[in-house]
Amino acid sequence: MPHNKLAVDVAAPGGSLRIQFDPAPGQQEYVINLNRLWFWNALPKSNPPRLTAADGAAEAVMQYRRERSPVLY
C-alpha cells in the first residue's frame, strides 16, 4: 500500500476487499458511505462484513444511518 493512502479491509463471506483513499492533511476522522461502493449491495445483509483498518493504530467503525434529506450526486 502506498504511504500516502489510508485503507480499510472488508472481510465478507464471499471474500476480502480493500477500500483505499487519500487522507486530507490534518484530518483524523473520515466518513465513507459504504452503500455507494460498487460491491456493497452484493454483500449478504444477514451476515454484515467485518471492517478492519489496515493501520493497526487506527479504528474502523461501521454504523447505520438514515439520510435526513435526498442527496444529489
Protein backbone atom coordinates (compact mmCIF):
# COMPACT_ATOMS: atom_id res chain seq x y z
CA MET A 1 0.00 0.00 0.00
CA PRO A 2 1.43 3.42 -0.88
CA HIS A 3 2.37 5.53 2.14
CA ASN A 4 0.05 8.35 1.13
CA LYS A 5 -3.08 6.14 1.23
CA LEU A 6 -5.31 5.02 4.08
CA ALA A 7 -7.02 1.64 3.85
CA VAL A 8 -9.87 -0.32 5.41
CA ASP A 9 -10.16 -4.06 4.82
CA VAL A 10 -13.65 -5.52 4.34
CA ALA A 11 -13.92 -9.22 5.25
CA ALA A 12 -17.15 -10.73 3.92
CA PRO A 13 -18.30 -14.33 3.39
CA GLY A 14 -17.55 -14.09 -0.34
CA GLY A 15 -14.00 -12.81 0.14
CA SER A 16 -11.99 -9.80 1.19
CA LEU A 17 -11.78 -6.35 -0.37
CA ARG A 18 -9.80 -3.23 0.45
CA ILE A 19 -11.03 0.36 0.42
CA GLN A 20 -8.20 2.85 -0.13
CA PHE A 21 -8.46 6.61 -0.06
CA ASP A 22 -6.30 9.71 0.11
CA PRO A 23 -6.07 11.32 3.55
CA ALA A 24 -6.65 15.05 3.95
CA PRO A 25 -3.92 16.97 5.77
CA GLY A 26 -4.79 17.34 9.45
CA GLN A 27 -7.98 15.28 9.23
CA GLN A 28 -8.31 12.34 11.62
CA GLU A 29 -11.88 11.11 11.05
CA TYR A 30 -13.38 10.02 7.73
CA VAL A 31 -16.91 9.03 6.75
CA ILE A 32 -17.16 6.57 3.88
CA ASN A 33 -20.64 5.86 2.56
CA LEU A 34 -20.27 2.12 2.07
CA ASN A 35 -23.56 1.76 0.20
CA ARG A 36 -22.04 3.86 -2.59
CA LEU A 37 -19.19 1.41 -3.22
CA TRP A 38 -19.67 -0.92 -6.20
CA PHE A 39 -19.59 -4.16 -4.18
CA TRP A 40 -21.68 -3.16 -1.16
CA ASN A 41 -25.10 -4.24 -2.44
CA ALA A 42 -23.72 -7.66 -3.41
CA LEU A 43 -22.83 -8.48 0.21
CA PRO A 44 -25.31 -10.59 2.19
CA LYS A 45 -27.43 -8.48 4.55
CA SER A 46 -27.82 -11.34 7.04
CA ASN A 47 -24.09 -11.52 7.76
CA PRO A 48 -22.55 -8.00 7.78
CA PRO A 49 -18.87 -7.76 6.84
CA ARG A 50 -16.09 -7.13 9.35
CA LEU A 51 -14.13 -3.89 8.84
CA THR A 52 -10.52 -3.51 9.91
CA ALA A 53 -8.25 -0.50 9.50
CA ALA A 54 -5.04 -1.52 7.73
CA ASP A 55 -3.11 0.75 10.12
CA GLY A 56 -3.06 -1.01 13.49
CA ALA A 57 -3.18 2.33 15.32
CA ALA A 58 -6.45 3.31 13.60
CA GLU A 59 -10.00 2.11 14.19
CA ALA A 60 -12.73 1.31 11.66
CA VAL A 61 -16.33 1.54 12.88
CA MET A 62 -19.44 0.72 10.87
CA GLN A 63 -22.67 2.49 11.74
CA TYR A 64 -26.05 2.55 10.03
CA ARG A 65 -27.59 5.98 9.45
CA ARG A 66 -30.62 7.33 7.76
CA GLU A 67 -30.22 10.25 5.37
CA ARG A 68 -32.15 13.32 6.52
CA SER A 69 -32.83 14.52 3.02
CA PRO A 70 -32.27 13.36 -0.57
CA VAL A 71 -28.72 13.67 -1.87
CA LEU A 72 -27.81 14.63 -5.42
CA TYR A 73 -24.65 13.10 -6.84
